[in-house]
Amino acid sequence: MTRGYKPVVAIGEAQRKATSWGFMLISLVTEVKLPFDFVINDRGCTSLVRIRRLKYSQYRIPDILISCGQEIKELRELRIPEGIFRELWVRGPDRTWHRYLVLEEDIEVLENNDSRQEVDEPAEISEVRQQGIAG
């Protein structure tokens, strides 16, 4: 597990941001350390979300793979059923949020601002959402 303290303030901000974006928020209270901080559901699509606060503004995928490597590794080690996703949310010193979809061998950038409806999402999530709406 990641060393150090959980970014409690950033987790609270992320939870408020998730609800402002219209996600259903599921908080977990446990004494066991989990590799994710909360769960979101958006139109039938569930994601486990890990929060990381950075002290610098470098959000390109190569930078995130280095600075958040341990968190990404821990998310990937989770054995979860198909259809549940892993997300890493990063907040930098400018207090903006950057979201990443953590896949088995890669990560992809998700929308990172308040106009999330205007941004295309990865095909995997879009397809699952469509199946959930149709089903």
N, C-alpha and C. Protein backbone atom coordinates (compact mmCIF):
# COMPACT_ATOMS: atom_id res chain seq x y z
N MET A 1 0.83 -1.19 0.00
CA MET A 1 0.00 0.00 0.00
C MET A 1 0.87 1.25 0.00
N THR A 2 0.31 2.33 -0.49
CA THR A 2 1.02 3.60 -0.55
C THR A 2 1.39 4.07 0.84
N ARG A 3 2.59 4.61 0.95
CA ARG A 3 3.04 5.13 2.23
C ARG A 3 2.45 6.52 2.45
N GLY A 4 2.47 6.97 3.72
CA GLY A 4 2.03 8.32 4.03
C GLY A 4 0.54 8.38 4.33
N TYR A 5 0.09 9.60 4.54
CA TYR A 5 -1.30 9.82 4.91
C TYR A 5 -2.18 9.95 3.67
N LYS A 6 -3.42 9.54 3.84
CA LYS A 6 -4.39 9.74 2.76
C LYS A 6 -4.63 11.24 2.60
N PRO A 7 -4.83 11.70 1.38
CA PRO A 7 -5.12 13.12 1.16
C PRO A 7 -6.59 13.42 1.50
N VAL A 8 -6.89 13.47 2.79
CA VAL A 8 -8.26 13.57 3.27
C VAL A 8 -9.00 14.78 2.70
N VAL A 9 -8.35 15.93 2.69
CA VAL A 9 -9.00 17.14 2.16
C VAL A 9 -9.29 16.97 0.67
N ALA A 10 -8.32 16.46 -0.08
CA ALA A 10 -8.51 16.25 -1.51
C ALA A 10 -9.60 15.22 -1.79
N ILE A 11 -9.69 14.19 -0.95
CA ILE A 11 -10.76 13.19 -1.12
C ILE A 11 -12.12 13.85 -0.93
N GLY A 12 -12.25 14.68 0.09
CA GLY A 12 -13.51 15.41 0.31
C GLY A 12 -13.86 16.30 -0.87
N GLU A 13 -12.87 17.02 -1.39
CA GLU A 13 -13.10 17.87 -2.56
C GLU A 13 -13.52 17.03 -3.77
N ALA A 14 -12.87 15.89 -3.95
CA ALA A 14 -13.20 15.02 -5.08
C ALA A 14 -14.62 14.47 -4.95
N GLN A 15 -15.03 14.13 -3.76
CA GLN A 15 -16.39 13.64 -3.55
C GLN A 15 -17.41 14.73 -3.88
N ARG A 16 -17.13 15.95 -3.46
CA ARG A 16 -18.04 17.06 -3.79
C ARG A 16 -18.06 17.30 -5.30
N LYS A 17 -16.90 17.20 -5.95
CA LYS A 17 -16.82 17.37 -7.40
C LYS A 17 -17.61 16.26 -8.10
N ALA A 18 -17.48 15.04 -7.62
CA ALA A 18 -18.21 13.91 -8.23
C ALA A 18 -19.72 14.15 -8.19
N THR A 19 -20.23 14.61 -7.05
CA THR A 19 -21.67 14.85 -6.97
C THR A 19 -22.07 16.06 -7.81
N SER A 20 -21.20 17.07 -7.92
CA SER A 20 -21.53 18.22 -8.76
C SER A 20 -21.56 17.84 -10.24
N TRP A 21 -20.79 16.80 -10.62
CA TRP A 21 -20.80 16.30 -11.99
C TRP A 21 -21.98 15.36 -12.24
N GLY A 22 -22.75 15.09 -11.20
CA GLY A 22 -23.92 14.23 -11.37
C GLY A 22 -23.67 12.76 -11.13
N PHE A 23 -22.51 12.39 -10.62
CA PHE A 23 -22.23 10.99 -10.30
C PHE A 23 -22.93 10.61 -9.01
N MET A 24 -23.38 9.37 -8.92
CA MET A 24 -23.85 8.85 -7.64
C MET A 24 -22.60 8.44 -6.87
N LEU A 25 -22.46 8.93 -5.66
CA LEU A 25 -21.28 8.70 -4.84
C LEU A 25 -21.56 7.62 -3.81
N ILE A 26 -20.65 6.67 -3.70
CA ILE A 26 -20.76 5.63 -2.69
C ILE A 26 -19.49 5.72 -1.84
N SER A 27 -19.65 6.10 -0.58
CA SER A 27 -18.52 6.21 0.34
C SER A 27 -18.43 4.94 1.16
N LEU A 28 -17.22 4.55 1.46
CA LEU A 28 -16.99 3.36 2.28
C LEU A 28 -16.29 3.77 3.56
N VAL A 29 -16.76 3.23 4.67
CA VAL A 29 -16.10 3.48 5.95
C VAL A 29 -15.58 2.13 6.43
N THR A 30 -14.27 2.02 6.53
CA THR A 30 -13.65 0.77 6.93
C THR A 30 -12.32 1.06 7.60
N GLU A 31 -11.91 0.17 8.47
CA GLU A 31 -10.60 0.31 9.09
C GLU A 31 -9.53 -0.35 8.22
N VAL A 32 -9.95 -1.15 7.27
CA VAL A 32 -9.03 -1.81 6.36
C VAL A 32 -8.59 -0.80 5.30
N LYS A 33 -7.30 -0.77 4.99
CA LYS A 33 -6.81 0.12 3.93
C LYS A 33 -7.19 -0.46 2.58
N LEU A 34 -7.88 0.33 1.78
CA LEU A 34 -8.28 -0.08 0.44
C LEU A 34 -7.47 0.71 -0.58
N PRO A 35 -7.26 0.16 -1.77
CA PRO A 35 -6.52 0.89 -2.79
C PRO A 35 -7.38 1.89 -3.57
N PHE A 36 -8.58 2.16 -3.09
CA PHE A 36 -9.42 3.19 -3.69
C PHE A 36 -10.09 3.95 -2.56
N ASP A 37 -10.54 5.18 -2.88
CA ASP A 37 -11.06 6.06 -1.84
C ASP A 37 -12.59 6.13 -1.80
N PHE A 38 -13.23 5.94 -2.94
CA PHE A 38 -14.68 5.88 -3.00
C PHE A 38 -15.10 5.28 -4.33
N VAL A 39 -16.40 5.10 -4.47
CA VAL A 39 -16.96 4.49 -5.68
C VAL A 39 -17.94 5.49 -6.29
N ILE A 40 -17.95 5.57 -7.62
CA ILE A 40 -18.95 6.40 -8.29
C ILE A 40 -19.74 5.52 -9.27
N ASN A 41 -20.94 5.96 -9.53
CA ASN A 41 -21.77 5.31 -10.54
C ASN A 41 -22.35 6.42 -11.40
N ASP A 42 -22.20 6.25 -12.70
CA ASP A 42 -22.71 7.23 -13.65
C ASP A 42 -23.46 6.50 -14.74
N ARG A 43 -24.74 6.62 -14.74
CA ARG A 43 -25.62 6.01 -15.75
C ARG A 43 -25.34 4.52 -15.90
N GLY A 44 -25.23 3.83 -14.76
CA GLY A 44 -25.03 2.39 -14.77
C GLY A 44 -23.60 1.94 -14.90
N CYS A 45 -22.66 2.85 -14.93
CA CYS A 45 -21.24 2.53 -15.07
C CYS A 45 -20.56 2.82 -13.73
N THR A 46 -19.96 1.79 -13.12
CA THR A 46 -19.36 1.91 -11.80
C THR A 46 -17.84 1.98 -11.90
N SER A 47 -17.25 2.88 -11.12
CA SER A 47 -15.79 3.03 -11.08
C SER A 47 -15.31 3.13 -9.64
N LEU A 48 -14.18 2.48 -9.38
CA LEU A 48 -13.47 2.64 -8.12
C LEU A 48 -12.50 3.79 -8.32
N VAL A 49 -12.52 4.76 -7.41
CA VAL A 49 -11.75 6.00 -7.61
C VAL A 49 -10.67 6.14 -6.55
N ARG A 50 -9.47 6.39 -7.02
CA ARG A 50 -8.33 6.67 -6.14
C ARG A 50 -7.94 8.13 -6.32
N ILE A 51 -7.69 8.83 -5.23
CA ILE A 51 -7.34 10.26 -5.27
C ILE A 51 -5.85 10.42 -4.98
N ARG A 52 -5.24 11.31 -5.72
CA ARG A 52 -3.83 11.65 -5.50
C ARG A 52 -3.68 13.16 -5.63
N ARG A 53 -3.00 13.77 -4.69
CA ARG A 53 -2.71 15.20 -4.75
C ARG A 53 -1.25 15.36 -5.13
N LEU A 54 -1.01 16.18 -6.15
CA LEU A 54 0.36 16.43 -6.60
C LEU A 54 0.80 17.84 -6.23
N LYS A 55 2.09 18.03 -6.08
CA LYS A 55 2.63 19.34 -5.72
C LYS A 55 3.08 20.12 -6.94
N TYR A 56 2.93 19.53 -8.12
CA TYR A 56 3.36 20.20 -9.34
C TYR A 56 2.33 19.94 -10.43
N SER A 57 2.39 20.73 -11.49
CA SER A 57 1.38 20.66 -12.56
C SER A 57 1.91 19.90 -13.77
N GLN A 58 2.04 18.61 -13.65
CA GLN A 58 2.45 17.77 -14.77
C GLN A 58 1.45 16.64 -14.88
N TYR A 59 0.57 16.73 -15.89
CA TYR A 59 -0.56 15.82 -15.98
C TYR A 59 -0.54 14.94 -17.23
N ARG A 60 0.53 15.00 -18.02
CA ARG A 60 0.60 14.12 -19.18
C ARG A 60 0.72 12.67 -18.70
N ILE A 61 0.27 11.75 -19.51
CA ILE A 61 0.28 10.34 -19.10
C ILE A 61 1.66 9.87 -18.67
N PRO A 62 2.75 10.19 -19.40
CA PRO A 62 4.07 9.73 -18.92
C PRO A 62 4.41 10.27 -17.52
N ASP A 63 4.00 11.52 -17.24
CA ASP A 63 4.26 12.10 -15.92
C ASP A 63 3.45 11.39 -14.84
N ILE A 64 2.19 11.09 -15.14
CA ILE A 64 1.31 10.43 -14.18
C ILE A 64 1.79 9.00 -13.92
N LEU A 65 2.26 8.33 -14.95
CA LEU A 65 2.78 6.97 -14.76
C LEU A 65 3.95 6.95 -13.78
N ILE A 66 4.74 8.02 -13.78
CA ILE A 66 5.87 8.11 -12.85
C ILE A 66 5.41 8.56 -11.47
N SER A 67 4.67 9.67 -11.41
CA SER A 67 4.32 10.25 -10.11
C SER A 67 3.27 9.45 -9.35
N CYS A 68 2.44 8.71 -10.06
CA CYS A 68 1.36 7.94 -9.43
C CYS A 68 1.51 6.45 -9.68
N GLY A 69 2.72 6.01 -9.95
CA GLY A 69 2.96 4.61 -10.28
C GLY A 69 2.48 3.64 -9.22
N GLN A 70 2.68 3.95 -7.96
CA GLN A 70 2.26 3.05 -6.88
C GLN A 70 0.74 2.94 -6.83
N GLU A 71 0.04 4.07 -6.96
CA GLU A 71 -1.42 4.06 -6.92
C GLU A 71 -1.98 3.28 -8.11
N ILE A 72 -1.38 3.48 -9.28
CA ILE A 72 -1.82 2.76 -10.48
C ILE A 72 -1.60 1.25 -10.29
N LYS A 73 -0.44 0.88 -9.76
CA LYS A 73 -0.14 -0.53 -9.50
C LYS A 73 -1.18 -1.14 -8.55
N GLU A 74 -1.50 -0.44 -7.47
CA GLU A 74 -2.46 -0.95 -6.50
C GLU A 74 -3.86 -1.10 -7.12
N LEU A 75 -4.25 -0.15 -7.95
CA LEU A 75 -5.55 -0.27 -8.62
C LEU A 75 -5.56 -1.47 -9.57
N ARG A 76 -4.49 -1.67 -10.29
CA ARG A 76 -4.41 -2.79 -11.23
C ARG A 76 -4.41 -4.13 -10.53
N GLU A 77 -3.89 -4.19 -9.31
CA GLU A 77 -3.84 -5.45 -8.58
C GLU A 77 -5.21 -5.89 -8.07
N LEU A 78 -6.17 -4.97 -8.06
CA LEU A 78 -7.53 -5.33 -7.63
C LEU A 78 -8.15 -6.31 -8.62
N ARG A 79 -8.67 -7.39 -8.12
CA ARG A 79 -9.41 -8.33 -8.97
C ARG A 79 -10.88 -7.96 -8.88
N ILE A 80 -11.36 -7.34 -9.94
CA ILE A 80 -12.74 -6.86 -9.94
C ILE A 80 -13.48 -7.44 -11.14
N PRO A 81 -14.81 -7.53 -11.04
CA PRO A 81 -15.57 -8.09 -12.15
C PRO A 81 -15.53 -7.18 -13.38
N GLU A 82 -15.72 -7.79 -14.54
CA GLU A 82 -15.80 -7.02 -15.77
C GLU A 82 -16.94 -6.02 -15.66
N GLY A 83 -16.73 -4.83 -16.20
CA GLY A 83 -17.76 -3.80 -16.16
C GLY A 83 -17.59 -2.81 -15.02
N ILE A 84 -16.64 -3.08 -14.12
CA ILE A 84 -16.29 -2.11 -13.07
C ILE A 84 -14.93 -1.54 -13.46
N PHE A 85 -14.82 -0.24 -13.41
CA PHE A 85 -13.62 0.44 -13.88
C PHE A 85 -12.80 0.97 -12.72
N ARG A 86 -11.55 1.29 -13.03
CA ARG A 86 -10.62 1.89 -12.05
C ARG A 86 -10.27 3.29 -12.56
N GLU A 87 -10.41 4.28 -11.69
CA GLU A 87 -10.06 5.64 -12.07
C GLU A 87 -9.08 6.22 -11.06
N LEU A 88 -8.19 7.04 -11.58
CA LEU A 88 -7.27 7.82 -10.75
C LEU A 88 -7.63 9.28 -10.98
N TRP A 89 -7.93 9.99 -9.90
CA TRP A 89 -8.21 11.43 -9.98
C TRP A 89 -7.05 12.15 -9.32
N VAL A 90 -6.49 13.10 -10.03
CA VAL A 90 -5.32 13.83 -9.56
C VAL A 90 -5.67 15.31 -9.44
N ARG A 91 -5.30 15.89 -8.31
CA ARG A 91 -5.46 17.33 -8.11
C ARG A 91 -4.10 17.94 -7.90
N GLY A 92 -3.83 18.97 -8.68
CA GLY A 92 -2.55 19.65 -8.58
C GLY A 92 -2.63 20.92 -7.77
N PRO A 93 -1.56 21.68 -7.74
CA PRO A 93 -1.51 22.91 -6.95
C PRO A 93 -2.48 23.98 -7.45
N ASP A 94 -2.90 23.88 -8.70
CA ASP A 94 -3.86 24.84 -9.24
C ASP A 94 -5.30 24.46 -8.90
N ARG A 95 -5.46 23.38 -8.15
CA ARG A 95 -6.75 22.89 -7.65
C ARG A 95 -7.69 22.40 -8.75
N THR A 96 -7.16 22.11 -9.92
CA THR A 96 -7.98 21.51 -10.98
C THR A 96 -7.86 19.99 -10.89
N TRP A 97 -8.89 19.33 -11.36
CA TRP A 97 -8.93 17.87 -11.32
C TRP A 97 -8.62 17.29 -12.68
N HIS A 98 -7.86 16.20 -12.68
CA HIS A 98 -7.52 15.47 -13.89
C HIS A 98 -7.86 14.01 -13.62
N ARG A 99 -8.63 13.43 -14.54
CA ARG A 99 -9.11 12.05 -14.35
C ARG A 99 -8.46 11.13 -15.37
N TYR A 100 -8.15 9.91 -14.89
CA TYR A 100 -7.51 8.91 -15.74
C TYR A 100 -8.21 7.57 -15.55
N LEU A 101 -8.46 6.90 -16.65
CA LEU A 101 -8.99 5.55 -16.62
C LEU A 101 -7.80 4.60 -16.58
N VAL A 102 -7.73 3.78 -15.54
CA VAL A 102 -6.61 2.86 -15.37
C VAL A 102 -7.01 1.52 -15.96
N LEU A 103 -6.36 1.16 -17.05
CA LEU A 103 -6.60 -0.11 -17.72
C LEU A 103 -5.50 -1.09 -17.34
N GLU A 104 -5.62 -2.34 -17.74
CA GLU A 104 -4.63 -3.36 -17.37
C GLU A 104 -3.22 -3.00 -17.81
N GLU A 105 -3.08 -2.49 -19.02
CA GLU A 105 -1.74 -2.21 -19.56
C GLU A 105 -1.50 -0.75 -19.89
N ASP A 106 -2.47 0.10 -19.66
CA ASP A 106 -2.37 1.49 -20.10
C ASP A 106 -3.23 2.36 -19.19
N ILE A 107 -3.11 3.66 -19.36
CA ILE A 107 -4.09 4.57 -18.76
C ILE A 107 -4.53 5.54 -19.85
N GLU A 108 -5.76 6.03 -19.72
CA GLU A 108 -6.31 6.99 -20.68
C GLU A 108 -6.82 8.20 -19.92
N VAL A 109 -6.71 9.35 -20.57
CA VAL A 109 -7.21 10.59 -19.98
C VAL A 109 -8.72 10.62 -20.13
N LEU A 110 -9.39 10.93 -19.03
CA LEU A 110 -10.82 11.20 -19.06
C LEU A 110 -10.99 12.71 -18.99
N GLU A 111 -12.19 13.20 -19.08
CA GLU A 111 -12.41 14.65 -19.02
C GLU A 111 -11.85 15.20 -17.72
N ASN A 112 -11.40 16.43 -17.77
CA ASN A 112 -10.77 17.00 -16.57
C ASN A 112 -11.30 18.38 -16.21
N ASN A 113 -12.54 18.66 -16.61
CA ASN A 113 -13.09 19.95 -16.21
C ASN A 113 -14.59 19.86 -16.04
N ASP A 114 -15.22 20.97 -15.73
CA ASP A 114 -16.64 20.97 -15.43
C ASP A 114 -17.54 20.82 -16.66
N SER A 115 -16.98 20.81 -17.85
CA SER A 115 -17.80 20.63 -19.05
C SER A 115 -17.70 19.18 -19.52
N ARG A 116 -17.80 18.25 -18.57
CA ARG A 116 -17.56 16.84 -18.87
C ARG A 116 -18.51 16.28 -19.91
N GLN A 117 -19.71 16.81 -20.04
CA GLN A 117 -20.65 16.31 -21.02
C GLN A 117 -20.18 16.59 -22.44
N GLU A 118 -19.32 17.58 -22.62
CA GLU A 118 -18.87 17.96 -23.95
C GLU A 118 -17.65 17.17 -24.40
N VAL A 119 -17.06 16.38 -23.53
CA VAL A 119 -15.83 15.68 -23.84
C VAL A 119 -16.14 14.22 -24.14
N ASP A 120 -15.49 13.68 -25.16
CA ASP A 120 -15.67 12.27 -25.49
C ASP A 120 -15.05 11.41 -24.41
N GLU A 121 -15.70 10.31 -24.09
CA GLU A 121 -15.15 9.37 -23.13
C GLU A 121 -14.58 8.18 -23.90
N PRO A 122 -13.70 7.42 -23.28
CA PRO A 122 -13.14 6.25 -23.96
C PRO A 122 -14.24 5.31 -24.43
N ALA A 123 -13.99 4.64 -25.52
CA ALA A 123 -14.99 3.76 -26.14
C ALA A 123 -15.47 2.68 -25.17
N GLU A 124 -14.58 2.15 -24.32
CA GLU A 124 -14.97 1.09 -23.38
C GLU A 124 -16.09 1.55 -22.47
N ILE A 125 -15.95 2.73 -21.88
CA ILE A 125 -16.97 3.24 -20.96
C ILE A 125 -18.22 3.59 -21.73
N SER A 126 -18.07 4.24 -22.88
CA SER A 126 -19.23 4.62 -23.68
C SER A 126 -20.06 3.40 -24.06
N GLU A 127 -19.40 2.31 -24.44
CA GLU A 127 -20.10 1.09 -24.84
C GLU A 127 -20.86 0.50 -23.65
N VAL A 128 -20.25 0.47 -22.48
CA VAL A 128 -20.91 -0.06 -21.29
C VAL A 128 -22.11 0.80 -20.93
N ARG A 129 -21.97 2.13 -21.02
CA ARG A 129 -23.09 3.01 -20.73
C ARG A 129 -24.26 2.73 -21.67
N GLN A 130 -23.95 2.55 -22.95
CA GLN A 130 -25.01 2.28 -23.94
C GLN A 130 -25.70 0.97 -23.63
N GLN A 131 -24.95 -0.05 -23.25
CA GLN A 131 -25.54 -1.34 -22.90
C GLN A 131 -26.42 -1.21 -21.67
N GLY A 132 -25.95 -0.42 -20.70
CA GLY A 132 -26.72 -0.22 -19.47
C GLY A 132 -28.02 0.51 -19.72
N ILE A 133 -27.98 1.50 -20.62
CA ILE A 133 -29.18 2.26 -20.95
C ILE A 133 -30.14 1.41 -21.75
N ALA A 134 -29.60 0.62 -22.68
CA ALA A 134 -30.46 -0.21 -23.53
C ALA A 134 -31.03 -1.40 -22.75
N GLY A 135 -30.27 -1.88 -21.76
CA GLY A 135 -30.65 -3.09 -21.03
C GLY A 135 -31.50 -2.80 -19.91
